[in-house]
C-alpha atoms as a PDB file:
ATOM      1  CA  GLN A   1       2.754   3.679  -1.865  1.00  0.00           C
ATOM      2  CA  VAL A   2      -0.437   3.737  -3.952  1.00  0.00           C
ATOM      3  CA  GLN A   3      -3.998   3.530  -2.866  1.00  0.00           C
ATOM      4  CA  LEU A   4      -6.352   1.815  -5.200  1.00  0.00           C
ATOM      5  CA  VAL A   5     -10.131   1.856  -5.293  1.00  0.00           C
ATOM      6  CA  GLU A   6     -12.283  -0.543  -7.167  1.00  0.00           C
ATOM      7  CA  SER A   7     -15.822   0.262  -8.157  1.00  0.00           C
ATOM      8  CA  GLY A   8     -18.473  -0.933 -10.624  1.00  0.00           C
ATOM      9  CA  GLY A   9     -19.389  -4.225  -9.219  1.00  0.00           C
ATOM     10  CA  GLY A  10     -23.055  -5.529  -8.648  1.00  0.00           C
ATOM     11  CA  LEU A  11     -25.727  -8.065  -9.450  1.00  0.00           C
ATOM     12  CA  VAL A  12     -26.164  -9.047 -13.060  1.00  0.00           C
ATOM     13  CA  GLN A  13     -27.877 -11.863 -14.918  1.00  0.00           C
ATOM     14  CA  ALA A  14     -25.908 -14.533 -16.879  1.00  0.00           C
ATOM     15  CA  GLY A  15     -25.053 -13.048 -20.173  1.00  0.00           C
ATOM     16  CA  GLY A  16     -24.867  -9.706 -19.011  1.00  0.00           C
ATOM     17  CA  SER A  17     -22.244  -7.123 -18.712  1.00  0.00           C
ATOM     18  CA  LEU A  18     -20.458  -5.037 -16.039  1.00  0.00           C
ATOM     19  CA  ARG A  19     -17.607  -2.445 -16.310  1.00  0.00           C
ATOM     20  CA  LEU A  20     -15.158  -2.286 -13.296  1.00  0.00           C
ATOM     21  CA  SER A  21     -12.897   0.626 -12.713  1.00  0.00           C
ATOM     22  CA  CYS A  22      -9.999   1.097 -10.593  1.00  0.00           C
ATOM     23  CA  ALA A  23      -8.854   4.552  -9.379  1.00  0.00           C
ATOM     24  CA  ALA A  24      -5.116   4.941  -8.433  1.00  0.00           C
ATOM     25  CA  SER A  25      -3.603   7.714  -6.163  1.00  0.00           C
ATOM     26  CA  ARG A  26      -0.720   8.165  -8.458  1.00  0.00           C
ATOM     27  CA  SER A  27       0.457   8.000 -11.994  1.00  0.00           C
ATOM     28  CA  ILE A  28      -0.021   4.341 -13.307  1.00  0.00           C
ATOM     29  CA  PHE A  29       2.772   4.997 -15.819  1.00  0.00           C
ATOM     30  CA  SER A  30       5.302   4.385 -13.069  1.00  0.00           C
ATOM     31  CA  PHE A  31       3.956   0.831 -12.407  1.00  0.00           C
ATOM     32  CA  ASN A  32       5.272  -2.239 -14.299  1.00  0.00           C
ATOM     33  CA  SER A  33       1.802  -3.635 -14.684  1.00  0.00           C
ATOM     34  CA  MET A  34      -1.654  -3.177 -13.356  1.00  0.00           C
ATOM     35  CA  GLY A  35      -4.070  -6.252 -13.090  1.00  0.00           C
ATOM     36  CA  TRP A  36      -7.439  -7.311 -12.114  1.00  0.00           C
ATOM     37  CA  TYR A  37      -7.678 -10.300  -9.656  1.00  0.00           C
ATOM     38  CA  ARG A  38     -10.706 -12.110  -8.257  1.00  0.00           C
ATOM     39  CA  GLN A  39     -11.447 -14.266  -5.254  1.00  0.00           C
ATOM     40  CA  ALA A  40     -14.468 -16.693  -5.168  1.00  0.00           C
ATOM     41  CA  PRO A  41     -15.699 -17.927  -1.894  1.00  0.00           C
ATOM     42  CA  GLY A  42     -13.458 -20.846  -0.730  1.00  0.00           C
ATOM     43  CA  GLN A  43     -10.887 -20.202  -3.483  1.00  0.00           C
ATOM     44  CA  GLN A  44      -7.601 -18.486  -3.886  1.00  0.00           C
ATOM     45  CA  ARG A  45      -7.261 -15.282  -5.398  1.00  0.00           C
ATOM     46  CA  GLU A  46      -6.313 -15.601  -9.050  1.00  0.00           C
ATOM     47  CA  LEU A  47      -5.165 -13.139 -11.852  1.00  0.00           C
ATOM     48  CA  VAL A  48      -7.994 -12.310 -14.305  1.00  0.00           C
ATOM     49  CA  ALA A  49      -6.114  -9.966 -16.463  1.00  0.00           C
ATOM     50  CA  SER A  50      -3.358  -7.611 -16.539  1.00  0.00           C
ATOM     51  CA  ILE A  51      -1.797  -4.878 -18.634  1.00  0.00           C
ATOM     52  CA  THR A  52       1.889  -3.662 -18.601  1.00  0.00           C
ATOM     53  CA  SER A  53       3.054  -0.149 -18.916  1.00  0.00           C
ATOM     54  CA  GLY A  54       3.783  -0.783 -22.351  1.00  0.00           C
ATOM     55  CA  GLY A  55       0.237  -1.862 -23.158  1.00  0.00           C
ATOM     56  CA  SER A  56       0.791  -5.706 -23.486  1.00  0.00           C
ATOM     57  CA  THR A  57      -2.185  -7.620 -21.801  1.00  0.00           C
ATOM     58  CA  ASN A  58      -2.667 -11.049 -20.449  1.00  0.00           C
ATOM     59  CA  TYR A  59      -5.905 -12.957 -19.710  1.00  0.00           C
ATOM     60  CA  ALA A  60      -7.058 -16.103 -17.877  1.00  0.00           C
ATOM     61  CA  ASP A  61      -8.057 -18.748 -19.902  1.00  0.00           C
ATOM     62  CA  ALA A  62     -11.594 -18.613 -18.436  1.00  0.00           C
ATOM     63  CA  VAL A  63     -12.233 -14.868 -19.446  1.00  0.00           C
ATOM     64  CA  LYS A  64     -10.533 -14.821 -22.732  1.00  0.00           C
ATOM     65  CA  GLY A  65     -12.842 -13.363 -25.496  1.00  0.00           C
ATOM     66  CA  ARG A  66     -15.298 -11.927 -22.845  1.00  0.00           C
ATOM     67  CA  PHE A  67     -13.254  -9.616 -20.718  1.00  0.00           C
ATOM     68  CA  THR A  68     -11.071  -6.816 -21.755  1.00  0.00           C
ATOM     69  CA  ILE A  69      -8.587  -4.786 -19.605  1.00  0.00           C
ATOM     70  CA  SER A  70      -7.769  -1.115 -20.522  1.00  0.00           C
ATOM     71  CA  ARG A  71      -5.817   1.722 -19.184  1.00  0.00           C
ATOM     72  CA  ASP A  72      -6.365   5.453 -18.963  1.00  0.00           C
ATOM     73  CA  ASN A  73      -3.045   7.157 -17.929  1.00  0.00           C
ATOM     74  CA  ALA A  74      -4.341  10.604 -17.987  1.00  0.00           C
ATOM     75  CA  LYS A  75      -6.978   9.617 -15.354  1.00  0.00           C
ATOM     76  CA  ASN A  76      -4.734   7.004 -13.485  1.00  0.00           C
ATOM     77  CA  THR A  77      -7.439   4.492 -14.084  1.00  0.00           C
ATOM     78  CA  VAL A  78      -7.560   0.736 -15.177  1.00  0.00           C
ATOM     79  CA  SER A  79     -10.963  -0.837 -16.247  1.00  0.00           C
ATOM     80  CA  LEU A  80     -12.231  -4.248 -16.809  1.00  0.00           C
ATOM     81  CA  GLN A  81     -15.023  -4.655 -19.206  1.00  0.00           C
ATOM     82  CA  MET A  82     -16.874  -7.813 -18.579  1.00  0.00           C
ATOM     83  CA  ASN A  83     -19.194  -9.327 -21.193  1.00  0.00           C
ATOM     84  CA  SER A  84     -21.021 -12.580 -21.338  1.00  0.00           C
ATOM     85  CA  LEU A  85     -20.713 -12.920 -17.740  1.00  0.00           C
ATOM     86  CA  LYS A  86     -21.300 -16.414 -16.341  1.00  0.00           C
ATOM     87  CA  PRO A  87     -22.244 -17.541 -12.762  1.00  0.00           C
ATOM     88  CA  GLU A  88     -18.694 -18.770 -12.230  1.00  0.00           C
ATOM     89  CA  ASP A  89     -17.483 -15.249 -12.834  1.00  0.00           C
ATOM     90  CA  THR A  90     -18.803 -14.509  -9.255  1.00  0.00           C
ATOM     91  CA  ALA A  91     -16.313 -13.304  -7.057  1.00  0.00           C
ATOM     92  CA  VAL A  92     -14.843 -10.153  -5.407  1.00  0.00           C
ATOM     93  CA  TYR A  93     -12.692  -8.339  -7.806  1.00  0.00           C
ATOM     94  CA  TYR A  94      -9.604  -6.427  -6.829  1.00  0.00           C
ATOM     95  CA  CYS A  95      -7.086  -4.414  -8.828  1.00  0.00           C
ATOM     96  CA  ASN A  96      -3.354  -4.040  -7.888  1.00  0.00           C
ATOM     97  CA  ALA A  97      -0.181  -2.842  -9.351  1.00  0.00           C
ATOM     98  CA  ARG A  98       3.145  -4.269  -9.609  1.00  0.00           C
ATOM     99  CA  TYR A  99       6.096  -1.847  -9.213  1.00  0.00           C
ATOM    100  CA  GLY A 100       9.750  -1.571  -8.842  1.00  0.00           C
ATOM    101  CA  LEU A 101      12.835  -3.769  -9.746  1.00  0.00           C
ATOM    102  CA  GLY A 102      11.434  -6.445  -7.440  1.00  0.00           C
ATOM    103  CA  ASN A 103       7.861  -6.329  -9.250  1.00  0.00           C
ATOM    104  CA  ARG A 104       6.293  -5.887  -5.821  1.00  0.00           C
ATOM    105  CA  TYR A 105       2.481  -5.800  -5.178  1.00  0.00           C
ATOM    106  CA  GLY A 106       0.618  -2.860  -3.618  1.00  0.00           C
ATOM    107  CA  ASP A 107      -1.680  -3.302  -0.830  1.00  0.00           C
ATOM    108  CA  TRP A 108      -4.796  -5.083  -1.420  1.00  0.00           C
ATOM    109  CA  GLY A 109      -7.989  -2.898  -1.183  1.00  0.00           C
ATOM    110  CA  GLN A 110     -11.565  -3.953  -0.254  1.00  0.00           C
ATOM    111  CA  GLY A 111     -12.459  -4.876  -3.805  1.00  0.00           C
ATOM    112  CA  THR A 112     -15.854  -4.933  -5.530  1.00  0.00           C
ATOM    113  CA  GLN A 113     -18.295  -7.686  -5.473  1.00  0.00           C
ATOM    114  CA  VAL A 114     -19.442  -9.181  -8.653  1.00  0.00           C
ATOM    115  CA  THR A 115     -22.457 -11.587  -8.587  1.00  0.00           C
ATOM    116  CA  VAL A 116     -23.814 -13.284 -11.566  1.00  0.00           C
ATOM    117  CA  SER A 117     -27.122 -15.135 -11.351  1.00  0.00           C
ATOM    118  CA  SER A 118     -28.595 -17.761 -13.616  1.00  0.00           C
END
């Protein structure tokens, strides 16, 4: 099992930036991929960005060009740099890992709240 703790959320004005961090309890090299997800009120959780163990990245269309996912294997962390934030980015942001031959998800944590005001 892996425990994941998100941090870095907060309140920011539209156009501002935040950097989210996810700390893992074990080496993230052992996972197939790491990802950031978000869930806005009344909506389903959606993938925001992901990065594979090989370094390949994928982004939701809504955040392309604004968000950047990165990984620090030595520190067992994955980060999400969010620039040019919009009110529609407001959500609880979660990180998670996918692992094993079945590409399973780890347990979902508490997430970190991001609120973008206009």
